[in-house]
Amino acid sequence: MKSVHFHAAFVLLALAFTFASAFDPSPLQDFCVAINDTKTGVFVNGKFCKDPKLVTAEDFAFSGLNKPGNTSNQLGSKVTLINVQKIPGLNTLGISLARVDYVPYGLNPPHIHPRATEILTLVQGTLYVGFVTSDNRFITKVLYPGDVFVFPIGLIHFQFNIGNTNALAFSGLSSQNPGLISIAKAVFGSDPAINPDVLAKAFQLDKYIVKQLQSRSWPSNVE
C-alpha cells in the first residue's frame, strides 16, 4: 500500500513539474502576429540561427565599449547598448549589456524595459536612481562608485547624475532584446499623436500645453 502511495505521489510531482516547465517563451519583440504561410514570415521569436559550422569568434565579440558615448544631446547622457544586433552570438542567450555615460546633471530619463530586468553598476560619479512599483511606491537611492542597483522588469526607472563630474555606469539586462519605452517620448512624441483630449485629462493639463509638448522634438539617447 505504501508503494502505491509513493508511486501516486511521484506521478503527481512529475505532472506538476511538467506543467510548471511548460510555458511560452518570453517575446523578443513587441508582438509576433501568427501566419499560416511561413514563406511570408519576417522573423521568429529571436533571430534565425547560423549554421554552427560557419560560426567564428567574431560572432561572440564586440570592440569599442571603452569609448565614451556622445552625450551632446538635450538629455546629457548616452546609452551604448550591446544586444543581439551587435553580437549575433547573444541570440537565445537572454542577456545584453549597456554602457551609460552622463555629463554633470545628465539624465537617463524615465523609461521601461518591457522584456528585461536591469542591474546597474556605477563606475564613476554620483547617480540619483529610482523606480516606481505597480502600487505607486517610489524606490530610490543615491549611488557612488562601486554601488549596484537593480531595476525590476517592466517598471518605470531613471538615473540622474547629481554630481559636478561625468558619470559612467554599466548595466546588464536579462534579454537579448530588452526593448525601451521612454515615457515622455512615448506619451507626447508618438506617431501618430495621441488625441490631446486624452492626455489633457490623464495628466490634468490644459490642452494647449499638451499640444505644445506634442510639437516638441523628443530626443533619444540610445545607440
N, C-alpha and C. Protein backbone atom coordinates (compact mmCIF):
# COMPACT_ATOMS: atom_id res chain seq x y z
N MET A 1 0.84 -1.21 0.00
CA MET A 1 0.00 0.00 0.00
C MET A 1 0.87 1.26 0.00
N LYS A 2 1.95 1.20 0.80
CA LYS A 2 2.86 2.35 0.85
C LYS A 2 3.48 2.60 -0.52
N SER A 3 3.76 1.45 -1.22
CA SER A 3 4.36 1.57 -2.55
C SER A 3 3.41 2.27 -3.52
N VAL A 4 2.12 1.96 -3.41
CA VAL A 4 1.12 2.60 -4.27
C VAL A 4 1.07 4.09 -4.02
N HIS A 5 1.08 4.48 -2.72
CA HIS A 5 1.05 5.90 -2.36
C HIS A 5 2.29 6.63 -2.87
N PHE A 6 3.44 5.95 -2.77
CA PHE A 6 4.69 6.56 -3.23
C PHE A 6 4.63 6.82 -4.72
N HIS A 7 4.19 5.80 -5.48
CA HIS A 7 4.13 5.96 -6.93
C HIS A 7 3.12 7.03 -7.34
N ALA A 8 1.98 7.08 -6.61
CA ALA A 8 0.98 8.10 -6.91
C ALA A 8 1.54 9.50 -6.65
N ALA A 9 2.26 9.65 -5.54
CA ALA A 9 2.87 10.95 -5.22
C ALA A 9 3.92 11.32 -6.25
N PHE A 10 4.69 10.32 -6.68
CA PHE A 10 5.73 10.57 -7.67
C PHE A 10 5.13 11.06 -8.99
N VAL A 11 4.02 10.39 -9.41
CA VAL A 11 3.34 10.78 -10.65
C VAL A 11 2.81 12.20 -10.55
N LEU A 12 2.21 12.55 -9.40
CA LEU A 12 1.68 13.90 -9.21
C LEU A 12 2.79 14.94 -9.27
N LEU A 13 3.93 14.64 -8.63
CA LEU A 13 5.07 15.57 -8.66
C LEU A 13 5.59 15.73 -10.09
N ALA A 14 5.64 14.61 -10.81
CA ALA A 14 6.12 14.67 -12.19
C ALA A 14 5.20 15.52 -13.05
N LEU A 15 3.88 15.35 -12.86
CA LEU A 15 2.92 16.16 -13.62
C LEU A 15 3.03 17.64 -13.26
N ALA A 16 3.18 17.92 -11.97
CA ALA A 16 3.31 19.31 -11.52
C ALA A 16 4.55 19.95 -12.13
N PHE A 17 5.65 19.19 -12.17
CA PHE A 17 6.88 19.72 -12.76
C PHE A 17 6.70 19.98 -14.25
N THR A 18 5.99 19.05 -14.92
CA THR A 18 5.74 19.23 -16.35
C THR A 18 4.94 20.48 -16.62
N PHE A 19 3.87 20.70 -15.83
CA PHE A 19 3.05 21.90 -16.03
C PHE A 19 3.84 23.16 -15.72
N ALA A 20 4.68 23.11 -14.67
CA ALA A 20 5.47 24.28 -14.29
C ALA A 20 6.51 24.60 -15.34
N SER A 21 7.00 23.56 -16.06
CA SER A 21 8.05 23.77 -17.04
C SER A 21 7.50 24.15 -18.40
N ALA A 22 6.20 23.87 -18.64
CA ALA A 22 5.60 24.13 -19.94
C ALA A 22 5.05 25.55 -19.99
N PHE A 23 5.86 26.50 -20.48
CA PHE A 23 5.42 27.88 -20.57
C PHE A 23 5.86 28.45 -21.91
N ASP A 24 5.17 29.49 -22.35
CA ASP A 24 5.55 30.14 -23.60
C ASP A 24 6.85 30.91 -23.40
N PRO A 25 7.74 30.91 -24.40
CA PRO A 25 8.96 31.70 -24.28
C PRO A 25 8.64 33.19 -24.25
N SER A 26 9.42 33.95 -23.53
CA SER A 26 9.19 35.39 -23.46
C SER A 26 9.33 36.01 -24.84
N PRO A 27 8.43 36.92 -25.22
CA PRO A 27 8.53 37.55 -26.54
C PRO A 27 9.78 38.43 -26.64
N LEU A 28 10.40 38.44 -27.81
CA LEU A 28 11.61 39.20 -28.02
C LEU A 28 11.38 40.41 -28.92
N GLN A 29 10.13 40.72 -29.18
CA GLN A 29 9.75 41.95 -29.85
C GLN A 29 8.38 42.33 -29.31
N ASP A 30 7.84 43.47 -29.75
CA ASP A 30 6.58 43.94 -29.19
C ASP A 30 5.42 42.99 -29.47
N PHE A 31 5.40 42.38 -30.64
CA PHE A 31 4.37 41.41 -30.96
C PHE A 31 4.86 40.51 -32.09
N CYS A 32 4.19 39.39 -32.27
CA CYS A 32 4.54 38.43 -33.31
C CYS A 32 3.23 37.81 -33.81
N VAL A 33 2.66 38.42 -34.86
CA VAL A 33 1.37 38.00 -35.38
C VAL A 33 1.51 36.68 -36.13
N ALA A 34 0.68 35.70 -35.79
CA ALA A 34 0.77 34.37 -36.39
C ALA A 34 0.33 34.38 -37.84
N ILE A 35 1.01 33.58 -38.68
CA ILE A 35 0.62 33.39 -40.07
C ILE A 35 0.66 31.90 -40.38
N ASN A 36 -0.10 31.49 -41.38
CA ASN A 36 -0.13 30.09 -41.78
C ASN A 36 0.94 29.77 -42.82
N ASP A 37 1.28 30.74 -43.65
CA ASP A 37 2.28 30.54 -44.71
C ASP A 37 3.62 31.06 -44.24
N THR A 38 4.55 30.17 -43.92
CA THR A 38 5.86 30.58 -43.39
C THR A 38 6.70 31.32 -44.41
N LYS A 39 6.34 31.21 -45.69
CA LYS A 39 7.12 31.89 -46.72
C LYS A 39 7.00 33.41 -46.61
N THR A 40 5.91 33.87 -46.02
CA THR A 40 5.72 35.32 -45.88
C THR A 40 6.11 35.80 -44.48
N GLY A 41 6.72 34.93 -43.69
CA GLY A 41 7.16 35.31 -42.34
C GLY A 41 8.34 36.26 -42.40
N VAL A 42 8.42 37.13 -41.42
CA VAL A 42 9.51 38.10 -41.34
C VAL A 42 10.60 37.64 -40.39
N PHE A 43 10.21 37.19 -39.20
CA PHE A 43 11.19 36.69 -38.24
C PHE A 43 10.53 35.73 -37.27
N VAL A 44 11.36 35.00 -36.56
CA VAL A 44 10.88 34.14 -35.49
C VAL A 44 11.06 34.89 -34.18
N ASN A 45 10.74 34.25 -33.04
CA ASN A 45 10.91 34.91 -31.75
C ASN A 45 12.39 34.92 -31.39
N GLY A 46 13.10 35.86 -32.00
CA GLY A 46 14.55 35.90 -31.91
C GLY A 46 15.09 36.06 -33.31
N LYS A 47 16.24 35.51 -33.60
CA LYS A 47 16.84 35.56 -34.93
C LYS A 47 16.97 34.15 -35.49
N PHE A 48 17.02 34.04 -36.80
CA PHE A 48 17.31 32.74 -37.39
C PHE A 48 18.75 32.36 -37.04
N CYS A 49 19.00 31.09 -36.89
CA CYS A 49 20.31 30.62 -36.42
C CYS A 49 21.28 30.34 -37.57
N LYS A 50 22.51 30.73 -37.36
CA LYS A 50 23.59 30.48 -38.31
C LYS A 50 24.02 29.02 -38.22
N ASP A 51 24.45 28.46 -39.32
CA ASP A 51 24.98 27.10 -39.31
C ASP A 51 26.16 27.05 -38.33
N PRO A 52 26.11 26.19 -37.31
CA PRO A 52 27.19 26.12 -36.31
C PRO A 52 28.58 25.93 -36.93
N LYS A 53 28.65 25.30 -38.09
CA LYS A 53 29.94 25.07 -38.73
C LYS A 53 30.55 26.36 -39.26
N LEU A 54 29.70 27.38 -39.44
CA LEU A 54 30.18 28.65 -40.00
C LEU A 54 30.43 29.71 -38.93
N VAL A 55 30.17 29.36 -37.67
CA VAL A 55 30.34 30.32 -36.57
C VAL A 55 31.82 30.60 -36.32
N THR A 56 32.13 31.88 -36.05
CA THR A 56 33.51 32.27 -35.71
C THR A 56 33.50 33.06 -34.41
N ALA A 57 34.68 33.35 -33.90
CA ALA A 57 34.81 34.12 -32.66
C ALA A 57 34.19 35.50 -32.79
N GLU A 58 34.19 36.06 -34.02
CA GLU A 58 33.63 37.39 -34.23
C GLU A 58 32.13 37.45 -33.96
N ASP A 59 31.46 36.30 -34.05
CA ASP A 59 30.02 36.25 -33.76
C ASP A 59 29.72 36.46 -32.28
N PHE A 60 30.75 36.36 -31.44
CA PHE A 60 30.56 36.48 -30.00
C PHE A 60 31.33 37.66 -29.41
N ALA A 61 31.78 38.58 -30.26
CA ALA A 61 32.66 39.65 -29.78
C ALA A 61 32.19 41.02 -30.24
N PHE A 62 32.58 42.04 -29.46
CA PHE A 62 32.33 43.44 -29.81
C PHE A 62 33.49 44.26 -29.28
N SER A 63 33.92 45.24 -30.03
CA SER A 63 35.01 46.12 -29.60
C SER A 63 34.54 47.57 -29.55
N GLY A 64 35.05 48.32 -28.59
CA GLY A 64 34.77 49.75 -28.53
C GLY A 64 34.01 50.22 -27.32
N LEU A 65 33.70 49.32 -26.38
CA LEU A 65 32.91 49.74 -25.22
C LEU A 65 33.74 50.58 -24.25
N ASN A 66 35.05 50.68 -24.51
CA ASN A 66 35.91 51.55 -23.70
C ASN A 66 35.77 53.01 -24.10
N LYS A 67 35.10 53.28 -25.23
CA LYS A 67 34.97 54.65 -25.72
C LYS A 67 33.69 55.29 -25.18
N PRO A 68 33.80 56.51 -24.62
CA PRO A 68 32.59 57.20 -24.11
C PRO A 68 31.59 57.47 -25.23
N GLY A 69 30.31 57.38 -24.88
CA GLY A 69 29.26 57.72 -25.83
C GLY A 69 29.14 59.22 -26.00
N ASN A 70 28.54 59.66 -27.09
CA ASN A 70 28.36 61.08 -27.38
C ASN A 70 27.19 61.63 -26.57
N THR A 71 27.50 62.41 -25.55
CA THR A 71 26.48 62.95 -24.64
C THR A 71 26.00 64.35 -25.02
N SER A 72 26.35 64.80 -26.22
CA SER A 72 25.96 66.16 -26.63
C SER A 72 24.53 66.14 -27.18
N ASN A 73 23.60 65.89 -26.28
CA ASN A 73 22.19 65.93 -26.63
C ASN A 73 21.43 66.63 -25.51
N GLN A 74 20.13 66.81 -25.67
CA GLN A 74 19.33 67.56 -24.68
C GLN A 74 19.30 66.89 -23.31
N LEU A 75 19.52 65.59 -23.29
CA LEU A 75 19.45 64.86 -22.02
C LEU A 75 20.79 64.80 -21.29
N GLY A 76 21.87 64.96 -22.03
CA GLY A 76 23.19 64.90 -21.40
C GLY A 76 23.59 63.49 -21.00
N SER A 77 23.13 62.51 -21.75
CA SER A 77 23.51 61.12 -21.47
C SER A 77 23.51 60.34 -22.78
N LYS A 78 24.22 59.21 -22.78
CA LYS A 78 24.23 58.33 -23.95
C LYS A 78 24.30 56.89 -23.48
N VAL A 79 23.37 56.08 -24.01
CA VAL A 79 23.34 54.65 -23.72
C VAL A 79 23.88 53.91 -24.94
N THR A 80 24.97 53.19 -24.75
CA THR A 80 25.53 52.35 -25.81
C THR A 80 25.10 50.92 -25.51
N LEU A 81 24.11 50.43 -26.25
CA LEU A 81 23.51 49.12 -25.98
C LEU A 81 24.19 48.04 -26.82
N ILE A 82 24.64 47.00 -26.14
CA ILE A 82 25.24 45.85 -26.82
C ILE A 82 24.26 44.69 -26.71
N ASN A 83 23.47 44.52 -27.77
CA ASN A 83 22.45 43.47 -27.78
C ASN A 83 22.71 42.53 -28.95
N VAL A 84 21.72 41.72 -29.29
CA VAL A 84 21.90 40.73 -30.35
C VAL A 84 22.16 41.38 -31.71
N GLN A 85 21.78 42.64 -31.87
CA GLN A 85 22.05 43.33 -33.13
C GLN A 85 23.55 43.55 -33.32
N LYS A 86 24.29 43.67 -32.21
CA LYS A 86 25.73 43.94 -32.29
C LYS A 86 26.58 42.71 -32.00
N ILE A 87 26.05 41.77 -31.24
CA ILE A 87 26.74 40.50 -31.01
C ILE A 87 25.77 39.37 -31.38
N PRO A 88 25.85 38.86 -32.61
CA PRO A 88 24.90 37.83 -33.05
C PRO A 88 24.87 36.60 -32.16
N GLY A 89 26.00 36.31 -31.51
CA GLY A 89 26.07 35.14 -30.64
C GLY A 89 25.19 35.23 -29.41
N LEU A 90 24.63 36.40 -29.13
CA LEU A 90 23.72 36.55 -27.99
C LEU A 90 22.34 35.93 -28.26
N ASN A 91 22.07 35.61 -29.52
CA ASN A 91 20.76 35.07 -29.87
C ASN A 91 20.40 33.86 -29.01
N THR A 92 19.23 33.93 -28.38
CA THR A 92 18.64 32.90 -27.50
C THR A 92 19.30 32.83 -26.12
N LEU A 93 20.32 33.63 -25.84
CA LEU A 93 21.03 33.51 -24.57
C LEU A 93 20.43 34.37 -23.45
N GLY A 94 19.52 35.27 -23.79
CA GLY A 94 18.77 36.00 -22.76
C GLY A 94 19.58 37.01 -21.97
N ILE A 95 20.53 37.68 -22.63
CA ILE A 95 21.33 38.67 -21.91
C ILE A 95 21.85 39.74 -22.87
N SER A 96 22.04 40.96 -22.38
CA SER A 96 22.67 42.03 -23.14
C SER A 96 23.34 42.99 -22.15
N LEU A 97 24.03 43.98 -22.68
CA LEU A 97 24.86 44.86 -21.87
C LEU A 97 24.74 46.28 -22.37
N ALA A 98 24.89 47.25 -21.47
CA ALA A 98 24.87 48.66 -21.90
C ALA A 98 25.91 49.46 -21.13
N ARG A 99 26.54 50.38 -21.83
CA ARG A 99 27.38 51.40 -21.21
C ARG A 99 26.57 52.68 -21.20
N VAL A 100 26.54 53.39 -20.05
CA VAL A 100 25.79 54.63 -19.95
C VAL A 100 26.72 55.74 -19.48
N ASP A 101 26.84 56.78 -20.31
CA ASP A 101 27.66 57.95 -19.98
C ASP A 101 26.76 59.13 -19.65
N TYR A 102 27.16 59.91 -18.66
CA TYR A 102 26.37 61.08 -18.23
C TYR A 102 27.31 62.27 -18.05
N VAL A 103 26.92 63.44 -18.56
CA VAL A 103 27.62 64.67 -18.21
C VAL A 103 27.07 65.11 -16.85
N PRO A 104 27.70 66.12 -16.19
CA PRO A 104 27.12 66.63 -14.94
C PRO A 104 25.65 67.03 -15.14
N TYR A 105 24.79 66.51 -14.29
CA TYR A 105 23.35 66.74 -14.33
C TYR A 105 22.69 66.14 -15.59
N GLY A 106 23.37 65.18 -16.18
CA GLY A 106 22.80 64.44 -17.30
C GLY A 106 21.78 63.43 -16.79
N LEU A 107 20.77 63.17 -17.62
CA LEU A 107 19.66 62.31 -17.21
C LEU A 107 19.45 61.18 -18.21
N ASN A 108 19.31 59.96 -17.70
CA ASN A 108 18.73 58.87 -18.48
C ASN A 108 17.26 58.85 -18.07
N PRO A 109 16.37 59.40 -18.91
CA PRO A 109 15.02 59.76 -18.46
C PRO A 109 14.15 58.55 -18.09
N PRO A 110 13.06 58.80 -17.39
CA PRO A 110 12.15 57.71 -17.01
C PRO A 110 11.76 56.86 -18.22
N HIS A 111 11.95 55.55 -18.08
CA HIS A 111 11.69 54.62 -19.17
C HIS A 111 11.43 53.24 -18.59
N ILE A 112 11.01 52.32 -19.45
CA ILE A 112 10.87 50.93 -19.03
C ILE A 112 11.53 50.02 -20.06
N HIS A 113 11.92 48.83 -19.59
CA HIS A 113 12.36 47.75 -20.47
C HIS A 113 11.28 46.66 -20.37
N PRO A 114 10.45 46.52 -21.40
CA PRO A 114 9.33 45.58 -21.29
C PRO A 114 9.74 44.12 -21.19
N ARG A 115 11.00 43.81 -21.55
CA ARG A 115 11.41 42.41 -21.57
C ARG A 115 12.63 42.11 -20.71
N ALA A 116 13.02 43.01 -19.81
CA ALA A 116 14.27 42.75 -19.08
C ALA A 116 14.31 43.43 -17.72
N THR A 117 14.90 42.72 -16.77
CA THR A 117 15.37 43.32 -15.52
C THR A 117 16.76 43.87 -15.78
N GLU A 118 17.09 44.98 -15.15
CA GLU A 118 18.39 45.63 -15.34
C GLU A 118 19.15 45.68 -14.02
N ILE A 119 20.43 45.35 -14.08
CA ILE A 119 21.30 45.51 -12.91
C ILE A 119 22.42 46.46 -13.30
N LEU A 120 22.51 47.58 -12.59
CA LEU A 120 23.42 48.67 -12.94
C LEU A 120 24.56 48.76 -11.93
N THR A 121 25.78 48.91 -12.43
CA THR A 121 26.96 49.12 -11.59
C THR A 121 27.55 50.49 -11.91
N LEU A 122 27.70 51.32 -10.89
CA LEU A 122 28.28 52.65 -11.10
C LEU A 122 29.80 52.57 -10.98
N VAL A 123 30.49 53.07 -12.00
CA VAL A 123 31.94 53.04 -12.03
C VAL A 123 32.52 54.39 -11.63
N GLN A 124 31.86 55.46 -12.04
CA GLN A 124 32.37 56.81 -11.81
C GLN A 124 31.22 57.77 -11.61
N GLY A 125 31.38 58.74 -10.68
CA GLY A 125 30.38 59.77 -10.48
C GLY A 125 29.38 59.45 -9.37
N THR A 126 28.30 60.21 -9.34
CA THR A 126 27.25 60.06 -8.34
C THR A 126 25.89 60.08 -9.03
N LEU A 127 25.14 59.03 -8.88
CA LEU A 127 23.84 58.93 -9.55
C LEU A 127 22.70 58.87 -8.54
N TYR A 128 21.66 59.62 -8.84
CA TYR A 128 20.38 59.51 -8.14
C TYR A 128 19.49 58.63 -9.00
N VAL A 129 19.12 57.46 -8.48
CA VAL A 129 18.37 56.50 -9.29
C VAL A 129 17.08 56.11 -8.57
N GLY A 130 16.15 55.53 -9.34
CA GLY A 130 14.93 55.07 -8.70
C GLY A 130 14.00 54.39 -9.67
N PHE A 131 13.01 53.68 -9.11
CA PHE A 131 11.95 53.09 -9.92
C PHE A 131 10.64 53.18 -9.16
N VAL A 132 9.53 53.06 -9.88
CA VAL A 132 8.19 53.15 -9.30
C VAL A 132 7.52 51.78 -9.43
N THR A 133 7.01 51.26 -8.31
CA THR A 133 6.38 49.94 -8.31
C THR A 133 4.97 50.01 -8.87
N SER A 134 4.36 48.83 -9.07
CA SER A 134 2.99 48.77 -9.61
C SER A 134 1.95 49.31 -8.64
N ASP A 135 2.31 49.44 -7.35
CA ASP A 135 1.38 50.06 -6.40
C ASP A 135 1.79 51.50 -6.08
N ASN A 136 2.57 52.10 -7.01
CA ASN A 136 2.93 53.52 -6.98
C ASN A 136 3.91 53.90 -5.87
N ARG A 137 4.68 52.94 -5.39
CA ARG A 137 5.72 53.25 -4.39
C ARG A 137 7.02 53.59 -5.11
N PHE A 138 7.67 54.67 -4.67
CA PHE A 138 8.92 55.13 -5.27
C PHE A 138 10.10 54.58 -4.47
N ILE A 139 10.93 53.78 -5.12
CA ILE A 139 12.13 53.20 -4.50
C ILE A 139 13.33 53.95 -5.06
N THR A 140 14.12 54.59 -4.20
CA THR A 140 15.20 55.45 -4.70
C THR A 140 16.45 55.36 -3.83
N LYS A 141 17.58 55.69 -4.44
CA LYS A 141 18.86 55.66 -3.73
C LYS A 141 19.88 56.50 -4.48
N VAL A 142 20.84 57.04 -3.74
CA VAL A 142 21.98 57.72 -4.36
C VAL A 142 23.13 56.72 -4.42
N LEU A 143 23.70 56.57 -5.62
CA LEU A 143 24.77 55.60 -5.83
C LEU A 143 26.12 56.29 -5.95
N TYR A 144 27.14 55.59 -5.45
CA TYR A 144 28.53 56.02 -5.54
C TYR A 144 29.34 54.93 -6.23
N PRO A 145 30.55 55.24 -6.70
CA PRO A 145 31.33 54.22 -7.42
C PRO A 145 31.43 52.90 -6.65
N GLY A 146 31.15 51.83 -7.38
CA GLY A 146 31.16 50.51 -6.77
C GLY A 146 29.79 50.02 -6.33
N ASP A 147 28.81 50.94 -6.29
CA ASP A 147 27.45 50.55 -5.88
C ASP A 147 26.72 49.87 -7.05
N VAL A 148 25.80 48.97 -6.69
CA VAL A 148 25.00 48.22 -7.66
C VAL A 148 23.52 48.42 -7.32
N PHE A 149 22.69 48.55 -8.36
CA PHE A 149 21.25 48.75 -8.14
C PHE A 149 20.48 47.97 -9.20
N VAL A 150 19.33 47.42 -8.80
CA VAL A 150 18.51 46.60 -9.70
C VAL A 150 17.21 47.33 -10.03
N PHE A 151 16.86 47.32 -11.32
CA PHE A 151 15.58 47.85 -11.78
C PHE A 151 14.75 46.67 -12.29
N PRO A 152 13.69 46.28 -11.58
CA PRO A 152 12.89 45.12 -11.98
C PRO A 152 12.22 45.30 -13.34
N ILE A 153 12.01 44.20 -14.00
CA ILE A 153 11.43 44.19 -15.35
C ILE A 153 10.10 44.95 -15.41
N GLY A 154 9.97 45.78 -16.44
CA GLY A 154 8.71 46.45 -16.73
C GLY A 154 8.36 47.65 -15.87
N LEU A 155 9.24 48.05 -14.93
CA LEU A 155 8.92 49.18 -14.05
C LEU A 155 9.61 50.45 -14.54
N ILE A 156 8.92 51.58 -14.39
CA ILE A 156 9.49 52.88 -14.77
C ILE A 156 10.70 53.18 -13.88
N HIS A 157 11.83 53.56 -14.52
CA HIS A 157 13.03 53.87 -13.74
C HIS A 157 13.86 54.93 -14.48
N PHE A 158 14.85 55.47 -13.78
CA PHE A 158 15.68 56.54 -14.34
C PHE A 158 17.01 56.57 -13.61
N GLN A 159 17.97 57.33 -14.17
CA GLN A 159 19.22 57.67 -13.49
C GLN A 159 19.55 59.13 -13.79
N PHE A 160 19.98 59.84 -12.76
CA PHE A 160 20.27 61.27 -12.88
C PHE A 160 21.62 61.54 -12.21
N ASN A 161 22.53 62.13 -12.98
CA ASN A 161 23.85 62.46 -12.45
C ASN A 161 23.77 63.74 -11.62
N ILE A 162 23.84 63.62 -10.31
CA ILE A 162 23.72 64.78 -9.43
C ILE A 162 25.08 65.36 -9.05
N GLY A 163 26.15 64.83 -9.65
CA GLY A 163 27.50 65.31 -9.34
C GLY A 163 27.97 66.38 -10.30
N ASN A 164 29.11 66.96 -9.99
CA ASN A 164 29.71 68.00 -10.83
C ASN A 164 30.69 67.44 -11.84
N THR A 165 30.83 66.12 -11.89
CA THR A 165 31.74 65.48 -12.84
C THR A 165 30.95 64.48 -13.68
N ASN A 166 31.58 64.00 -14.74
CA ASN A 166 30.95 62.98 -15.56
C ASN A 166 30.71 61.71 -14.75
N ALA A 167 29.73 60.94 -15.16
CA ALA A 167 29.43 59.66 -14.52
C ALA A 167 29.45 58.56 -15.58
N LEU A 168 29.77 57.36 -15.13
CA LEU A 168 29.83 56.20 -16.02
C LEU A 168 29.26 54.98 -15.30
N ALA A 169 28.36 54.28 -15.98
CA ALA A 169 27.78 53.06 -15.42
C ALA A 169 27.70 51.99 -16.49
N PHE A 170 27.65 50.74 -16.03
CA PHE A 170 27.44 49.60 -16.93
C PHE A 170 26.23 48.82 -16.42
N SER A 171 25.39 48.39 -17.36
CA SER A 171 24.19 47.66 -16.99
C SER A 171 24.13 46.32 -17.70
N GLY A 172 23.69 45.29 -16.95
CA GLY A 172 23.36 44.01 -17.55
C GLY A 172 21.85 43.90 -17.62
N LEU A 173 21.34 43.35 -18.73
CA LEU A 173 19.89 43.23 -18.93
C LEU A 173 19.55 41.79 -19.29
N SER A 174 18.44 41.31 -18.73
CA SER A 174 18.10 39.89 -18.83
C SER A 174 17.32 39.54 -20.10
N SER A 175 17.73 40.10 -21.23
CA SER A 175 17.14 39.75 -22.52
C SER A 175 18.12 40.13 -23.61
N GLN A 176 18.13 39.36 -24.70
CA GLN A 176 18.96 39.73 -25.84
C GLN A 176 18.40 40.96 -26.54
N ASN A 177 17.11 41.27 -26.28
CA ASN A 177 16.45 42.44 -26.86
C ASN A 177 15.50 43.02 -25.82
N PRO A 178 16.04 43.77 -24.84
CA PRO A 178 15.24 44.23 -23.70
C PRO A 178 14.11 45.18 -24.04
N GLY A 179 14.25 45.91 -25.15
CA GLY A 179 13.23 46.90 -25.50
C GLY A 179 13.36 48.15 -24.66
N LEU A 180 12.89 49.25 -25.18
CA LEU A 180 12.96 50.52 -24.46
C LEU A 180 11.74 51.37 -24.80
N ILE A 181 11.03 51.80 -23.77
CA ILE A 181 9.93 52.75 -23.94
C ILE A 181 10.24 53.95 -23.05
N SER A 182 10.64 55.06 -23.68
CA SER A 182 10.89 56.30 -22.94
C SER A 182 9.55 56.98 -22.69
N ILE A 183 9.23 57.21 -21.42
CA ILE A 183 7.87 57.61 -21.06
C ILE A 183 7.45 58.92 -21.74
N ALA A 184 8.24 59.97 -21.60
CA ALA A 184 7.86 61.26 -22.18
C ALA A 184 7.74 61.17 -23.70
N LYS A 185 8.70 60.51 -24.33
CA LYS A 185 8.70 60.40 -25.79
C LYS A 185 7.52 59.56 -26.27
N ALA A 186 7.21 58.48 -25.54
CA ALA A 186 6.09 57.62 -25.94
C ALA A 186 4.76 58.35 -25.81
N VAL A 187 4.60 59.13 -24.74
CA VAL A 187 3.32 59.79 -24.49
C VAL A 187 3.12 61.02 -25.38
N PHE A 188 4.15 61.86 -25.45
CA PHE A 188 3.99 63.13 -26.18
C PHE A 188 4.61 63.12 -27.58
N GLY A 189 5.36 62.07 -27.91
CA GLY A 189 6.02 62.04 -29.21
C GLY A 189 5.62 60.85 -30.06
N SER A 190 4.48 60.21 -29.75
CA SER A 190 4.07 59.04 -30.52
C SER A 190 3.70 59.43 -31.94
N ASP A 191 3.74 58.45 -32.84
CA ASP A 191 3.40 58.69 -34.25
C ASP A 191 2.43 57.61 -34.71
N PRO A 192 1.16 57.98 -35.02
CA PRO A 192 0.60 59.34 -34.94
C PRO A 192 0.38 59.77 -33.49
N ALA A 193 0.13 61.05 -33.32
CA ALA A 193 -0.02 61.62 -31.98
C ALA A 193 -1.29 61.13 -31.30
N ILE A 194 -1.20 60.97 -29.98
CA ILE A 194 -2.38 60.63 -29.18
C ILE A 194 -3.30 61.85 -29.14
N ASN A 195 -4.60 61.62 -29.18
CA ASN A 195 -5.57 62.71 -29.09
C ASN A 195 -5.26 63.59 -27.87
N PRO A 196 -5.04 64.90 -28.07
CA PRO A 196 -4.70 65.80 -26.96
C PRO A 196 -5.72 65.79 -25.82
N ASP A 197 -7.00 65.54 -26.15
CA ASP A 197 -8.02 65.48 -25.10
C ASP A 197 -7.73 64.36 -24.11
N VAL A 198 -7.23 63.24 -24.63
CA VAL A 198 -6.89 62.10 -23.77
C VAL A 198 -5.78 62.49 -22.80
N LEU A 199 -4.72 63.09 -23.33
CA LEU A 199 -3.57 63.45 -22.49
C LEU A 199 -3.91 64.59 -21.53
N ALA A 200 -4.71 65.54 -21.98
CA ALA A 200 -5.10 66.67 -21.12
C ALA A 200 -5.84 66.15 -19.89
N LYS A 201 -6.73 65.19 -20.11
CA LYS A 201 -7.50 64.65 -18.99
C LYS A 201 -6.64 63.75 -18.11
N ALA A 202 -5.81 62.91 -18.75
CA ALA A 202 -4.98 61.98 -18.00
C ALA A 202 -3.97 62.69 -17.11
N PHE A 203 -3.34 63.74 -17.63
CA PHE A 203 -2.30 64.46 -16.88
C PHE A 203 -2.83 65.73 -16.21
N GLN A 204 -4.15 65.99 -16.36
CA GLN A 204 -4.75 67.17 -15.76
C GLN A 204 -4.03 68.44 -16.21
N LEU A 205 -3.85 68.56 -17.53
CA LEU A 205 -3.19 69.70 -18.13
C LEU A 205 -4.14 70.41 -19.08
N ASP A 206 -3.84 71.68 -19.34
CA ASP A 206 -4.57 72.40 -20.37
C ASP A 206 -4.22 71.80 -21.73
N LYS A 207 -5.19 71.67 -22.62
CA LYS A 207 -4.96 71.07 -23.92
C LYS A 207 -3.91 71.84 -24.73
N TYR A 208 -3.82 73.14 -24.52
CA TYR A 208 -2.80 73.94 -25.21
C TYR A 208 -1.40 73.50 -24.81
N ILE A 209 -1.21 73.21 -23.53
CA ILE A 209 0.10 72.75 -23.06
C ILE A 209 0.43 71.38 -23.66
N VAL A 210 -0.58 70.51 -23.72
CA VAL A 210 -0.38 69.19 -24.32
C VAL A 210 0.07 69.34 -25.78
N LYS A 211 -0.60 70.22 -26.53
CA LYS A 211 -0.23 70.41 -27.92
C LYS A 211 1.19 70.97 -28.05
N GLN A 212 1.58 71.84 -27.13
CA GLN A 212 2.95 72.36 -27.12
C GLN A 212 3.94 71.22 -26.92
N LEU A 213 3.65 70.34 -25.95
CA LEU A 213 4.54 69.20 -25.68
C LEU A 213 4.60 68.26 -26.88
N GLN A 214 3.48 68.08 -27.54
CA GLN A 214 3.46 67.18 -28.70
C GLN A 214 4.21 67.78 -29.90
N SER A 215 4.32 69.09 -29.93
CA SER A 215 5.01 69.73 -31.06
C SER A 215 6.53 69.70 -30.90
N ARG A 216 7.01 69.32 -29.71
CA ARG A 216 8.45 69.29 -29.45
C ARG A 216 9.11 68.09 -30.09
N SER A 217 10.42 68.22 -30.27
CA SER A 217 11.23 67.08 -30.72
C SER A 217 11.75 66.36 -29.48
N TRP A 218 11.38 65.10 -29.31
CA TRP A 218 11.78 64.34 -28.13
C TRP A 218 13.02 63.52 -28.45
N PRO A 219 14.14 63.84 -27.79
CA PRO A 219 15.42 63.22 -28.16
C PRO A 219 15.55 61.77 -27.71
N SER A 220 16.40 61.06 -28.41
CA SER A 220 16.77 59.70 -28.00
C SER A 220 18.23 59.71 -27.57
N ASN A 221 18.55 58.96 -26.52
CA ASN A 221 19.93 58.92 -26.04
C ASN A 221 20.52 57.52 -26.17
N VAL A 222 19.92 56.70 -27.04
CA VAL A 222 20.36 55.31 -27.20
C VAL A 222 20.95 55.09 -28.58
N GLU A 223 22.09 54.36 -28.61
CA GLU A 223 22.66 53.97 -29.92
C GLU A 223 22.99 52.50 -29.91
